[in-house]
Amino acid sequence: MKASKTPTQQRFQADMHRLLTTILQRDVEDPMLLGLSLTRFEMTDQQGQAIAYVHSMLPIEEKECVARLNRLKPHLLHILRKAMPKKRMPALLFRWDDALDKTHQVMDTMDALHPESLKRT
């Protein structure tokens, strides 16, 4: 059973999500990473690791995007440490969030099954 997070851990996770989103929007100048959004930020059960899930609605090479973000990790962690002076900053992992793609596939399938319902609206 998954242990619930304390209010302090929840606040830290929310602050990290907000700050990392701001950094990705303002400080990253890589053209491939423009329009990228941070969809989820989760602290793992192990202390010291965090997973940042990213997605883009623009056509983009997912593996290359995640690889570039992982190369930027030292710079991003440096900015995060300045903004949030903590004794320990979690190790950051970037992953592609394909949940939105799956949702769009389900919606496209539903639309294909009922094309007449679209004509009425």
PDB file of N, CA and C in Angstrom:
ATOM      1  N   MET A   1       0.844  -1.177   0.000  1.00  0.00           N
ATOM      2  CA  MET A   1       0.000   0.000   0.000  1.00  0.00           C
ATOM      3  C   MET A   1       0.886   1.236   0.000  1.00  0.00           C
ATOM      4  N   LYS A   2       0.494   2.195  -0.780  1.00  0.00           N
ATOM      5  CA  LYS A   2       1.279   3.411  -0.912  1.00  0.00           C
ATOM      6  C   LYS A   2       1.065   4.329   0.283  1.00  0.00           C
ATOM      7  N   ALA A   3       2.150   4.756   0.882  1.00  0.00           N
ATOM      8  CA  ALA A   3       2.046   5.659   2.029  1.00  0.00           C
ATOM      9  C   ALA A   3       1.701   7.063   1.539  1.00  0.00           C
ATOM     10  N   SER A   4       0.785   7.719   2.234  1.00  0.00           N
ATOM     11  CA  SER A   4       0.422   9.069   1.830  1.00  0.00           C
ATOM     12  C   SER A   4       1.532  10.042   2.230  1.00  0.00           C
ATOM     13  N   LYS A   5       1.630  11.090   1.479  1.00  0.00           N
ATOM     14  CA  LYS A   5       2.668  12.092   1.730  1.00  0.00           C
ATOM     15  C   LYS A   5       2.222  13.051   2.824  1.00  0.00           C
ATOM     16  N   THR A   6       3.180  13.519   3.572  1.00  0.00           N
ATOM     17  CA  THR A   6       2.886  14.502   4.603  1.00  0.00           C
ATOM     18  C   THR A   6       2.588  15.836   3.936  1.00  0.00           C
ATOM     19  N   PRO A   7       1.935  16.768   4.634  1.00  0.00           N
ATOM     20  CA  PRO A   7       1.685  18.081   4.044  1.00  0.00           C
ATOM     21  C   PRO A   7       2.973  18.784   3.604  1.00  0.00           C
ATOM     22  N   THR A   8       4.054  18.589   4.340  1.00  0.00           N
ATOM     23  CA  THR A   8       5.332  19.203   3.961  1.00  0.00           C
ATOM     24  C   THR A   8       5.834  18.628   2.646  1.00  0.00           C
ATOM     25  N   GLN A   9       5.730  17.318   2.477  1.00  0.00           N
ATOM     26  CA  GLN A   9       6.153  16.683   1.230  1.00  0.00           C
ATOM     27  C   GLN A   9       5.267  17.115   0.062  1.00  0.00           C
ATOM     28  N   GLN A  10       3.967  17.225   0.307  1.00  0.00           N
ATOM     29  CA  GLN A  10       3.051  17.668  -0.746  1.00  0.00           C
ATOM     30  C   GLN A  10       3.364  19.101  -1.180  1.00  0.00           C
ATOM     31  N   ARG A  11       3.661  19.957  -0.211  1.00  0.00           N
ATOM     32  CA  ARG A  11       3.994  21.351  -0.516  1.00  0.00           C
ATOM     33  C   ARG A  11       5.301  21.426  -1.295  1.00  0.00           C
ATOM     34  N   PHE A  12       6.299  20.651  -0.879  1.00  0.00           N
ATOM     35  CA  PHE A  12       7.578  20.617  -1.577  1.00  0.00           C
ATOM     36  C   PHE A  12       7.398  20.145  -3.016  1.00  0.00           C
ATOM     37  N   GLN A  13       6.591  19.106  -3.202  1.00  0.00           N
ATOM     38  CA  GLN A  13       6.331  18.590  -4.544  1.00  0.00           C
ATOM     39  C   GLN A  13       5.630  19.639  -5.406  1.00  0.00           C
ATOM     40  N   ALA A  14       4.649  20.325  -4.853  1.00  0.00           N
ATOM     41  CA  ALA A  14       3.938  21.368  -5.599  1.00  0.00           C
ATOM     42  C   ALA A  14       4.864  22.539  -5.936  1.00  0.00           C
ATOM     43  N   ASP A  15       5.714  22.930  -4.990  1.00  0.00           N
ATOM     44  CA  ASP A  15       6.662  24.022  -5.244  1.00  0.00           C
ATOM     45  C   ASP A  15       7.660  23.643  -6.333  1.00  0.00           C
ATOM     46  N   MET A  16       8.154  22.417  -6.295  1.00  0.00           N
ATOM     47  CA  MET A  16       9.092  21.957  -7.320  1.00  0.00           C
ATOM     48  C   MET A  16       8.433  21.936  -8.699  1.00  0.00           C
ATOM     49  N   HIS A  17       7.177  21.481  -8.738  1.00  0.00           N
ATOM     50  CA  HIS A  17       6.444  21.455 -10.008  1.00  0.00           C
ATOM     51  C   HIS A  17       6.308  22.873 -10.579  1.00  0.00           C
ATOM     52  N   ARG A  18       5.894  23.786  -9.730  1.00  0.00           N
ATOM     53  CA  ARG A  18       5.700  25.175 -10.165  1.00  0.00           C
ATOM     54  C   ARG A  18       7.008  25.797 -10.633  1.00  0.00           C
ATOM     55  N   LEU A  19       8.075  25.632  -9.852  1.00  0.00           N
ATOM     56  CA  LEU A  19       9.362  26.231 -10.211  1.00  0.00           C
ATOM     57  C   LEU A  19       9.950  25.617 -11.477  1.00  0.00           C
ATOM     58  N   LEU A  20       9.874  24.311 -11.606  1.00  0.00           N
ATOM     59  CA  LEU A  20      10.422  23.664 -12.792  1.00  0.00           C
ATOM     60  C   LEU A  20       9.636  24.054 -14.039  1.00  0.00           C
ATOM     61  N   THR A  21       8.329  24.214 -13.908  1.00  0.00           N
ATOM     62  CA  THR A  21       7.512  24.676 -15.033  1.00  0.00           C
ATOM     63  C   THR A  21       7.953  26.076 -15.467  1.00  0.00           C
ATOM     64  N   THR A  22       8.151  26.953 -14.511  1.00  0.00           N
ATOM     65  CA  THR A  22       8.593  28.314 -14.805  1.00  0.00           C
ATOM     66  C   THR A  22       9.966  28.315 -15.466  1.00  0.00           C
ATOM     67  N   ILE A  23      10.874  27.507 -14.960  1.00  0.00           N
ATOM     68  CA  ILE A  23      12.223  27.441 -15.537  1.00  0.00           C
ATOM     69  C   ILE A  23      12.167  26.939 -16.973  1.00  0.00           C
ATOM     70  N   LEU A  24      11.366  25.902 -17.233  1.00  0.00           N
ATOM     71  CA  LEU A  24      11.273  25.366 -18.590  1.00  0.00           C
ATOM     72  C   LEU A  24      10.693  26.400 -19.557  1.00  0.00           C
ATOM     73  N   GLN A  25       9.775  27.228 -19.089  1.00  0.00           N
ATOM     74  CA  GLN A  25       9.163  28.227 -19.953  1.00  0.00           C
ATOM     75  C   GLN A  25      10.058  29.433 -20.177  1.00  0.00           C
ATOM     76  N   ARG A  26      10.826  29.849 -19.156  1.00  0.00           N
ATOM     77  CA  ARG A  26      11.583  31.098 -19.239  1.00  0.00           C
ATOM     78  C   ARG A  26      13.058  30.945 -19.558  1.00  0.00           C
ATOM     79  N   ASP A  27      13.701  29.898 -19.039  1.00  0.00           N
ATOM     80  CA  ASP A  27      15.155  29.822 -19.103  1.00  0.00           C
ATOM     81  C   ASP A  27      15.707  28.868 -20.155  1.00  0.00           C
ATOM     82  N   VAL A  28      14.904  27.979 -20.676  1.00  0.00           N
ATOM     83  CA  VAL A  28      15.401  27.021 -21.659  1.00  0.00           C
ATOM     84  C   VAL A  28      15.244  27.621 -23.048  1.00  0.00           C
ATOM     85  N   GLU A  29      16.374  27.716 -23.758  1.00  0.00           N
ATOM     86  CA  GLU A  29      16.364  28.366 -25.064  1.00  0.00           C
ATOM     87  C   GLU A  29      16.504  27.389 -26.228  1.00  0.00           C
ATOM     88  N   ASP A  30      16.513  26.107 -25.949  1.00  0.00           N
ATOM     89  CA  ASP A  30      16.616  25.099 -26.987  1.00  0.00           C
ATOM     90  C   ASP A  30      15.339  25.118 -27.830  1.00  0.00           C
ATOM     91  N   PRO A  31      15.435  25.332 -29.149  1.00  0.00           N
ATOM     92  CA  PRO A  31      14.226  25.411 -29.983  1.00  0.00           C
ATOM     93  C   PRO A  31      13.390  24.132 -29.961  1.00  0.00           C
ATOM     94  N   MET A  32      14.046  22.999 -29.759  1.00  0.00           N
ATOM     95  CA  MET A  32      13.300  21.745 -29.719  1.00  0.00           C
ATOM     96  C   MET A  32      12.417  21.646 -28.479  1.00  0.00           C
ATOM     97  N   LEU A  33      12.794  22.354 -27.425  1.00  0.00           N
ATOM     98  CA  LEU A  33      12.064  22.257 -26.165  1.00  0.00           C
ATOM     99  C   LEU A  33      11.017  23.351 -25.993  1.00  0.00           C
ATOM    100  N   LEU A  34      10.850  24.196 -26.990  1.00  0.00           N
ATOM    101  CA  LEU A  34       9.820  25.236 -26.914  1.00  0.00           C
ATOM    102  C   LEU A  34       8.441  24.587 -26.978  1.00  0.00           C
ATOM    103  N   GLY A  35       7.529  25.078 -26.205  1.00  0.00           N
ATOM    104  CA  GLY A  35       6.176  24.533 -26.184  1.00  0.00           C
ATOM    105  C   GLY A  35       6.040  23.283 -25.336  1.00  0.00           C
ATOM    106  N   LEU A  36       7.096  22.933 -24.644  1.00  0.00           N
ATOM    107  CA  LEU A  36       7.085  21.759 -23.788  1.00  0.00           C
ATOM    108  C   LEU A  36       6.387  22.104 -22.481  1.00  0.00           C
ATOM    109  N   SER A  37       5.581  21.190 -21.980  1.00  0.00           N
ATOM    110  CA  SER A  37       4.922  21.458 -20.698  1.00  0.00           C
ATOM    111  C   SER A  37       5.203  20.315 -19.721  1.00  0.00           C
ATOM    112  N   LEU A  38       5.292  20.683 -18.477  1.00  0.00           N
ATOM    113  CA  LEU A  38       5.500  19.728 -17.394  1.00  0.00           C
ATOM    114  C   LEU A  38       4.116  19.289 -16.929  1.00  0.00           C
ATOM    115  N   THR A  39       3.764  18.050 -17.229  1.00  0.00           N
ATOM    116  CA  THR A  39       2.405  17.591 -16.928  1.00  0.00           C
ATOM    117  C   THR A  39       2.266  17.061 -15.512  1.00  0.00           C
ATOM    118  N   ARG A  40       3.320  16.390 -15.003  1.00  0.00           N
ATOM    119  CA  ARG A  40       3.271  15.843 -13.648  1.00  0.00           C
ATOM    120  C   ARG A  40       4.657  15.929 -13.035  1.00  0.00           C
ATOM    121  N   PHE A  41       4.682  16.034 -11.728  1.00  0.00           N
ATOM    122  CA  PHE A  41       5.937  15.985 -10.989  1.00  0.00           C
ATOM    123  C   PHE A  41       5.690  15.120  -9.775  1.00  0.00           C
ATOM    124  N   GLU A  42       6.422  14.017  -9.672  1.00  0.00           N
ATOM    125  CA  GLU A  42       6.182  13.073  -8.593  1.00  0.00           C
ATOM    126  C   GLU A  42       7.471  12.747  -7.864  1.00  0.00           C
ATOM    127  N   MET A  43       7.383  12.755  -6.561  1.00  0.00           N
ATOM    128  CA  MET A  43       8.481  12.274  -5.736  1.00  0.00           C
ATOM    129  C   MET A  43       8.305  10.764  -5.613  1.00  0.00           C
ATOM    130  N   THR A  44       9.385  10.022  -5.799  1.00  0.00           N
ATOM    131  CA  THR A  44       9.296   8.571  -5.677  1.00  0.00           C
ATOM    132  C   THR A  44       9.242   8.193  -4.207  1.00  0.00           C
ATOM    133  N   ASP A  45       8.911   6.929  -3.943  1.00  0.00           N
ATOM    134  CA  ASP A  45       8.865   6.454  -2.567  1.00  0.00           C
ATOM    135  C   ASP A  45      10.238   6.514  -1.918  1.00  0.00           C
ATOM    136  N   GLN A  46      11.257   6.293  -2.735  1.00  0.00           N
ATOM    137  CA  GLN A  46      12.619   6.431  -2.223  1.00  0.00           C
ATOM    138  C   GLN A  46      12.907   7.914  -2.064  1.00  0.00           C
ATOM    139  N   GLN A  47      13.539   8.260  -0.980  1.00  0.00           N
ATOM    140  CA  GLN A  47      13.912   9.669  -0.812  1.00  0.00           C
ATOM    141  C   GLN A  47      15.025   9.994  -1.797  1.00  0.00           C
ATOM    142  N   GLY A  48      14.984  11.167  -2.320  1.00  0.00           N
ATOM    143  CA  GLY A  48      16.081  11.618  -3.155  1.00  0.00           C
ATOM    144  C   GLY A  48      15.874  11.471  -4.639  1.00  0.00           C
ATOM    145  N   GLN A  49      14.677  11.073  -5.105  1.00  0.00           N
ATOM    146  CA  GLN A  49      14.418  10.992  -6.531  1.00  0.00           C
ATOM    147  C   GLN A  49      13.079  11.608  -6.855  1.00  0.00           C
ATOM    148  N   ALA A  50      13.063  12.337  -7.974  1.00  0.00           N
ATOM    149  CA  ALA A  50      11.826  12.942  -8.453  1.00  0.00           C
ATOM    150  C   ALA A  50      11.728  12.691  -9.950  1.00  0.00           C
ATOM    151  N   ILE A  51      10.519  12.454 -10.422  1.00  0.00           N
ATOM    152  CA  ILE A  51      10.279  12.217 -11.844  1.00  0.00           C
ATOM    153  C   ILE A  51       9.430  13.357 -12.374  1.00  0.00           C
ATOM    154  N   ALA A  52       9.945  14.014 -13.409  1.00  0.00           N
ATOM    155  CA  ALA A  52       9.221  15.096 -14.070  1.00  0.00           C
ATOM    156  C   ALA A  52       8.719  14.565 -15.406  1.00  0.00           C
ATOM    157  N   TYR A  53       7.411  14.536 -15.582  1.00  0.00           N
ATOM    158  CA  TYR A  53       6.798  14.061 -16.817  1.00  0.00           C
ATOM    159  C   TYR A  53       6.525  15.258 -17.715  1.00  0.00           C
ATOM    160  N   VAL A  54       6.966  15.164 -18.971  1.00  0.00           N
ATOM    161  CA  VAL A  54       6.806  16.261 -19.916  1.00  0.00           C
ATOM    162  C   VAL A  54       6.012  15.796 -21.133  1.00  0.00           C
ATOM    163  N   HIS A  55       5.400  16.764 -21.811  1.00  0.00           N
ATOM    164  CA  HIS A  55       4.634  16.474 -23.020  1.00  0.00           C
ATOM    165  C   HIS A  55       4.585  17.728 -23.875  1.00  0.00           C
ATOM    166  N   SER A  56       4.399  17.526 -25.153  1.00  0.00           N
ATOM    167  CA  SER A  56       4.240  18.642 -26.079  1.00  0.00           C
ATOM    168  C   SER A  56       3.142  18.302 -27.065  1.00  0.00           C
ATOM    169  N   MET A  57       2.313  19.269 -27.377  1.00  0.00           N
ATOM    170  CA  MET A  57       1.272  19.063 -28.376  1.00  0.00           C
ATOM    171  C   MET A  57       1.831  19.241 -29.794  1.00  0.00           C
ATOM    172  N   LEU A  58       3.009  19.819 -29.886  1.00  0.00           N
ATOM    173  CA  LEU A  58       3.666  19.986 -31.179  1.00  0.00           C
ATOM    174  C   LEU A  58       4.325  18.671 -31.569  1.00  0.00           C
ATOM    175  N   PRO A  59       4.470  18.423 -32.871  1.00  0.00           N
ATOM    176  CA  PRO A  59       5.180  17.204 -33.274  1.00  0.00           C
ATOM    177  C   PRO A  59       6.647  17.306 -32.858  1.00  0.00           C
ATOM    178  N   ILE A  60       7.103  16.321 -32.120  1.00  0.00           N
ATOM    179  CA  ILE A  60       8.442  16.384 -31.547  1.00  0.00           C
ATOM    180  C   ILE A  60       8.972  14.957 -31.377  1.00  0.00           C
ATOM    181  N   GLU A  61      10.263  14.786 -31.491  1.00  0.00           N
ATOM    182  CA  GLU A  61      10.900  13.492 -31.251  1.00  0.00           C
ATOM    183  C   GLU A  61      11.027  13.315 -29.741  1.00  0.00           C
ATOM    184  N   GLU A  62      10.238  12.407 -29.190  1.00  0.00           N
ATOM    185  CA  GLU A  62      10.127  12.253 -27.736  1.00  0.00           C
ATOM    186  C   GLU A  62      11.448  11.851 -27.081  1.00  0.00           C
ATOM    187  N   LYS A  63      12.129  10.860 -27.645  1.00  0.00           N
ATOM    188  CA  LYS A  63      13.373  10.375 -27.029  1.00  0.00           C
ATOM    189  C   LYS A  63      14.450  11.458 -27.045  1.00  0.00           C
ATOM    190  N   GLU A  64      14.551  12.203 -28.134  1.00  0.00           N
ATOM    191  CA  GLU A  64      15.546  13.274 -28.220  1.00  0.00           C
ATOM    192  C   GLU A  64      15.213  14.395 -27.243  1.00  0.00           C
ATOM    193  N   CYS A  65      13.932  14.694 -27.094  1.00  0.00           N
ATOM    194  CA  CYS A  65      13.493  15.728 -26.159  1.00  0.00           C
ATOM    195  C   CYS A  65      13.887  15.360 -24.723  1.00  0.00           C
ATOM    196  N   VAL A  66      13.610  14.134 -24.319  1.00  0.00           N
ATOM    197  CA  VAL A  66      13.955  13.683 -22.969  1.00  0.00           C
ATOM    198  C   VAL A  66      15.473  13.655 -22.793  1.00  0.00           C
ATOM    199  N   ALA A  67      16.196  13.246 -23.831  1.00  0.00           N
ATOM    200  CA  ALA A  67      17.664  13.222 -23.755  1.00  0.00           C
ATOM    201  C   ALA A  67      18.217  14.630 -23.557  1.00  0.00           C
ATOM    202  N   ARG A  68      17.670  15.604 -24.268  1.00  0.00           N
ATOM    203  CA  ARG A  68      18.126  16.995 -24.106  1.00  0.00           C
ATOM    204  C   ARG A  68      17.816  17.526 -22.713  1.00  0.00           C
ATOM    205  N   LEU A  69      16.654  17.204 -22.206  1.00  0.00           N
ATOM    206  CA  LEU A  69      16.312  17.639 -20.848  1.00  0.00           C
ATOM    207  C   LEU A  69      17.253  17.004 -19.822  1.00  0.00           C
ATOM    208  N   ASN A  70      17.574  15.753 -20.023  1.00  0.00           N
ATOM    209  CA  ASN A  70      18.487  15.090 -19.090  1.00  0.00           C
ATOM    210  C   ASN A  70      19.887  15.690 -19.170  1.00  0.00           C
ATOM    211  N   ARG A  71      20.295  16.183 -20.341  1.00  0.00           N
ATOM    212  CA  ARG A  71      21.589  16.869 -20.438  1.00  0.00           C
ATOM    213  C   ARG A  71      21.544  18.232 -19.740  1.00  0.00           C
ATOM    214  N   LEU A  72      20.370  18.825 -19.658  1.00  0.00           N
ATOM    215  CA  LEU A  72      20.208  20.121 -18.988  1.00  0.00           C
ATOM    216  C   LEU A  72      20.038  20.001 -17.471  1.00  0.00           C
ATOM    217  N   LYS A  73      19.962  18.804 -16.949  1.00  0.00           N
ATOM    218  CA  LYS A  73      19.703  18.596 -15.518  1.00  0.00           C
ATOM    219  C   LYS A  73      20.621  19.383 -14.594  1.00  0.00           C
ATOM    220  N   PRO A  74      21.943  19.384 -14.815  1.00  0.00           N
ATOM    221  CA  PRO A  74      22.799  20.150 -13.884  1.00  0.00           C
ATOM    222  C   PRO A  74      22.428  21.636 -13.833  1.00  0.00           C
ATOM    223  N   HIS A  75      22.131  22.207 -14.996  1.00  0.00           N
ATOM    224  CA  HIS A  75      21.737  23.619 -15.047  1.00  0.00           C
ATOM    225  C   HIS A  75      20.396  23.832 -14.337  1.00  0.00           C
ATOM    226  N   LEU A  76      19.442  22.964 -14.588  1.00  0.00           N
ATOM    227  CA  LEU A  76      18.121  23.094 -13.976  1.00  0.00           C
ATOM    228  C   LEU A  76      18.202  22.920 -12.456  1.00  0.00           C
ATOM    229  N   LEU A  77      18.985  21.953 -12.001  1.00  0.00           N
ATOM    230  CA  LEU A  77      19.138  21.750 -10.560  1.00  0.00           C
ATOM    231  C   LEU A  77      19.834  22.933  -9.893  1.00  0.00           C
ATOM    232  N   HIS A  78      20.774  23.553 -10.598  1.00  0.00           N
ATOM    233  CA  HIS A  78      21.447  24.733 -10.065  1.00  0.00           C
ATOM    234  C   HIS A  78      20.431  25.858  -9.833  1.00  0.00           C
ATOM    235  N   ILE A  79      19.565  26.084 -10.808  1.00  0.00           N
ATOM    236  CA  ILE A  79      18.539  27.130 -10.678  1.00  0.00           C
ATOM    237  C   ILE A  79      17.557  26.778  -9.561  1.00  0.00           C
ATOM    238  N   LEU A  80      17.169  25.507  -9.482  1.00  0.00           N
ATOM    239  CA  LEU A  80      16.238  25.078  -8.428  1.00  0.00           C
ATOM    240  C   LEU A  80      16.853  25.253  -7.046  1.00  0.00           C
ATOM    241  N   ARG A  81      18.134  24.962  -6.910  1.00  0.00           N
ATOM    242  CA  ARG A  81      18.803  25.122  -5.604  1.00  0.00           C
ATOM    243  C   ARG A  81      18.849  26.587  -5.175  1.00  0.00           C
ATOM    244  N   LYS A  82      19.014  27.474  -6.145  1.00  0.00           N
ATOM    245  CA  LYS A  82      19.000  28.900  -5.816  1.00  0.00           C
ATOM    246  C   LYS A  82      17.614  29.348  -5.369  1.00  0.00           C
ATOM    247  N   ALA A  83      16.590  28.836  -6.049  1.00  0.00           N
ATOM    248  CA  ALA A  83      15.220  29.248  -5.742  1.00  0.00           C
ATOM    249  C   ALA A  83      14.686  28.595  -4.468  1.00  0.00           C
ATOM    250  N   MET A  84      15.123  27.373  -4.200  1.00  0.00           N
ATOM    251  CA  MET A  84      14.647  26.620  -3.041  1.00  0.00           C
ATOM    252  C   MET A  84      15.846  26.088  -2.276  1.00  0.00           C
ATOM    253  N   PRO A  85      16.403  26.886  -1.393  1.00  0.00           N
ATOM    254  CA  PRO A  85      17.563  26.401  -0.652  1.00  0.00           C
ATOM    255  C   PRO A  85      17.167  25.268   0.301  1.00  0.00           C
ATOM    256  N   LYS A  86      17.471  24.063  -0.105  1.00  0.00           N
ATOM    257  CA  LYS A  86      17.199  22.882   0.701  1.00  0.00           C
ATOM    258  C   LYS A  86      18.512  22.168   0.966  1.00  0.00           C
ATOM    259  N   LYS A  87      18.544  21.440   2.036  1.00  0.00           N
ATOM    260  CA  LYS A  87      19.740  20.681   2.353  1.00  0.00           C
ATOM    261  C   LYS A  87      19.978  19.600   1.295  1.00  0.00           C
ATOM    262  N   ARG A  88      18.901  18.941   0.917  1.00  0.00           N
ATOM    263  CA  ARG A  88      18.979  17.900  -0.113  1.00  0.00           C
ATOM    264  C   ARG A  88      17.989  18.184  -1.220  1.00  0.00           C
ATOM    265  N   MET A  89      18.488  18.244  -2.429  1.00  0.00           N
ATOM    266  CA  MET A  89      17.629  18.395  -3.601  1.00  0.00           C
ATOM    267  C   MET A  89      17.511  17.010  -4.234  1.00  0.00           C
ATOM    268  N   PRO A  90      16.296  16.588  -4.591  1.00  0.00           N
ATOM    269  CA  PRO A  90      16.151  15.240  -5.159  1.00  0.00           C
ATOM    270  C   PRO A  90      16.812  15.142  -6.535  1.00  0.00           C
ATOM    271  N   ALA A  91      17.266  13.940  -6.857  1.00  0.00           N
ATOM    272  CA  ALA A  91      17.776  13.677  -8.204  1.00  0.00           C
ATOM    273  C   ALA A  91      16.588  13.774  -9.164  1.00  0.00           C
ATOM    274  N   LEU A  92      16.808  14.362 -10.296  1.00  0.00           N
ATOM    275  CA  LEU A  92      15.736  14.656 -11.233  1.00  0.00           C
ATOM    276  C   LEU A  92      15.809  13.722 -12.431  1.00  0.00           C
ATOM    277  N   LEU A  93      14.697  13.096 -12.744  1.00  0.00           N
ATOM    278  CA  LEU A  93      14.582  12.251 -13.925  1.00  0.00           C
ATOM    279  C   LEU A  93      13.475  12.819 -14.806  1.00  0.00           C
ATOM    280  N   PHE A  94      13.719  12.884 -16.102  1.00  0.00           N
ATOM    281  CA  PHE A  94      12.690  13.330 -17.031  1.00  0.00           C
ATOM    282  C   PHE A  94      12.154  12.128 -17.782  1.00  0.00           C
ATOM    283  N   ARG A  95      10.845  12.099 -17.946  1.00  0.00           N
ATOM    284  CA  ARG A  95      10.182  11.043 -18.719  1.00  0.00           C
ATOM    285  C   ARG A  95       9.098  11.670 -19.575  1.00  0.00           C
ATOM    286  N   TRP A  96       8.830  11.041 -20.698  1.00  0.00           N
ATOM    287  CA  TRP A  96       7.771  11.498 -21.584  1.00  0.00           C
ATOM    288  C   TRP A  96       6.443  11.011 -21.045  1.00  0.00           C
ATOM    289  N   ASP A  97       5.452  11.894 -20.986  1.00  0.00           N
ATOM    290  CA  ASP A  97       4.122  11.545 -20.484  1.00  0.00           C
ATOM    291  C   ASP A  97       3.235  11.225 -21.679  1.00  0.00           C
ATOM    292  N   ASP A  98       2.985   9.943 -21.886  1.00  0.00           N
ATOM    293  CA  ASP A  98       2.174   9.549 -23.032  1.00  0.00           C
ATOM    294  C   ASP A  98       0.690   9.399 -22.681  1.00  0.00           C
ATOM    295  N   ALA A  99       0.301   9.784 -21.487  1.00  0.00           N
ATOM    296  CA  ALA A  99      -1.104   9.680 -21.076  1.00  0.00           C
ATOM    297  C   ALA A  99      -2.000  10.549 -21.955  1.00  0.00           C
ATOM    298  N   LEU A 100      -1.529  11.730 -22.342  1.00  0.00           N
ATOM    299  CA  LEU A 100      -2.341  12.605 -23.202  1.00  0.00           C
ATOM    300  C   LEU A 100      -2.515  12.010 -24.587  1.00  0.00           C
ATOM    301  N   ASP A 101      -1.454  11.376 -25.105  1.00  0.00           N
ATOM    302  CA  ASP A 101      -1.559  10.722 -26.412  1.00  0.00           C
ATOM    303  C   ASP A 101      -2.586   9.598 -26.369  1.00  0.00           C
ATOM    304  N   LYS A 102      -2.581   8.823 -25.289  1.00  0.00           N
ATOM    305  CA  LYS A 102      -3.551   7.731 -25.148  1.00  0.00           C
ATOM    306  C   LYS A 102      -4.967   8.276 -25.058  1.00  0.00           C
ATOM    307  N   THR A 103      -5.139   9.390 -24.361  1.00  0.00           N
ATOM    308  CA  THR A 103      -6.459  10.010 -24.251  1.00  0.00           C
ATOM    309  C   THR A 103      -6.955  10.455 -25.618  1.00  0.00           C
ATOM    310  N   HIS A 104      -6.072  11.064 -26.404  1.00  0.00           N
ATOM    311  CA  HIS A 104      -6.463  11.493 -27.754  1.00  0.00           C
ATOM    312  C   HIS A 104      -6.820  10.303 -28.633  1.00  0.00           C
ATOM    313  N   GLN A 105      -6.114   9.186 -28.471  1.00  0.00           N
ATOM    314  CA  GLN A 105      -6.431   7.989 -29.252  1.00  0.00           C
ATOM    315  C   GLN A 105      -7.815   7.465 -28.894  1.00  0.00           C
ATOM    316  N   VAL A 106      -8.144   7.472 -27.627  1.00  0.00           N
ATOM    317  CA  VAL A 106      -9.464   7.011 -27.188  1.00  0.00           C
ATOM    318  C   VAL A 106     -10.546   7.932 -27.749  1.00  0.00           C
ATOM    319  N   MET A 107     -10.312   9.243 -27.681  1.00  0.00           N
ATOM    320  CA  MET A 107     -11.303  10.202 -28.210  1.00  0.00           C
ATOM    321  C   MET A 107     -11.471  10.037 -29.719  1.00  0.00           C
ATOM    322  N   ASP A 108     -10.376   9.821 -30.444  1.00  0.00           N
ATOM    323  CA  ASP A 108     -10.465   9.610 -31.896  1.00  0.00           C
ATOM    324  C   ASP A 108     -11.250   8.336 -32.210  1.00  0.00           C
ATOM    325  N   THR A 109     -11.035   7.301 -31.424  1.00  0.00           N
ATOM    326  CA  THR A 109     -11.769   6.048 -31.622  1.00  0.00           C
ATOM    327  C   THR A 109     -13.252   6.255 -31.356  1.00  0.00           C
ATOM    328  N   MET A 110     -13.583   6.980 -30.315  1.00  0.00           N
ATOM    329  CA  MET A 110     -14.986   7.246 -30.001  1.00  0.00           C
ATOM    330  C   MET A 110     -15.639   8.090 -31.095  1.00  0.00           C
ATOM    331  N   ASP A 111     -14.909   9.062 -31.615  1.00  0.00           N
ATOM    332  CA  ASP A 111     -15.442   9.888 -32.700  1.00  0.00           C
ATOM    333  C   ASP A 111     -15.677   9.063 -33.958  1.00  0.00           C
ATOM    334  N   ALA A 112     -14.798   8.115 -34.218  1.00  0.00           N
ATOM    335  CA  ALA A 112     -14.948   7.263 -35.402  1.00  0.00           C
ATOM    336  C   ALA A 112     -16.152   6.335 -35.271  1.00  0.00           C
ATOM    337  N   LEU A 113     -16.484   5.924 -34.054  1.00  0.00           N
ATOM    338  CA  LEU A 113     -17.624   5.044 -33.841  1.00  0.00           C
ATOM    339  C   LEU A 113     -18.959   5.763 -33.992  1.00  0.00           C
ATOM    340  N   HIS A 114     -18.988   7.052 -33.673  1.00  0.00           N
ATOM    341  CA  HIS A 114     -20.239   7.813 -33.706  1.00  0.00           C
ATOM    342  C   HIS A 114     -20.068   9.095 -34.524  1.00  0.00           C
ATOM    343  N   PRO A 115     -19.866   8.975 -35.839  1.00  0.00           N
ATOM    344  CA  PRO A 115     -19.683  10.193 -36.631  1.00  0.00           C
ATOM    345  C   PRO A 115     -20.956  11.032 -36.754  1.00  0.00           C
ATOM    346  N   GLU A 116     -22.146  10.388 -36.645  1.00  0.00           N
ATOM    347  CA  GLU A 116     -23.382  11.152 -36.758  1.00  0.00           C
ATOM    348  C   GLU A 116     -23.616  12.063 -35.573  1.00  0.00           C
ATOM    349  N   SER A 117     -23.046  11.759 -34.412  1.00  0.00           N
ATOM    350  CA  SER A 117     -23.223  12.609 -33.239  1.00  0.00           C
ATOM    351  C   SER A 117     -22.501  13.944 -33.419  1.00  0.00           C
ATOM    352  N   LEU A 118     -21.468  13.971 -34.231  1.00  0.00           N
ATOM    353  CA  LEU A 118     -20.748  15.228 -34.485  1.00  0.00           C
ATOM    354  C   LEU A 118     -21.551  16.139 -35.407  1.00  0.00           C
ATOM    355  N   LYS A 119     -22.353  15.542 -36.284  1.00  0.00           N
ATOM    356  CA  LYS A 119     -23.135  16.342 -37.238  1.00  0.00           C
ATOM    357  C   LYS A 119     -24.245  17.113 -36.541  1.00  0.00           C
ATOM    358  N   ARG A 120     -24.751  16.607 -35.431  1.00  0.00           N
ATOM    359  CA  ARG A 120     -25.854  17.260 -34.734  1.00  0.00           C
ATOM    360  C   ARG A 120     -25.426  18.507 -33.997  1.00  0.00           C
ATOM    361  N   THR A 121     -24.176  18.578 -33.552  1.00  0.00           N
ATOM    362  CA  THR A 121     -23.734  19.718 -32.747  1.00  0.00           C
ATOM    363  C   THR A 121     -23.300  20.865 -33.583  1.00  0.00           C
TER     364      THR A 121
END
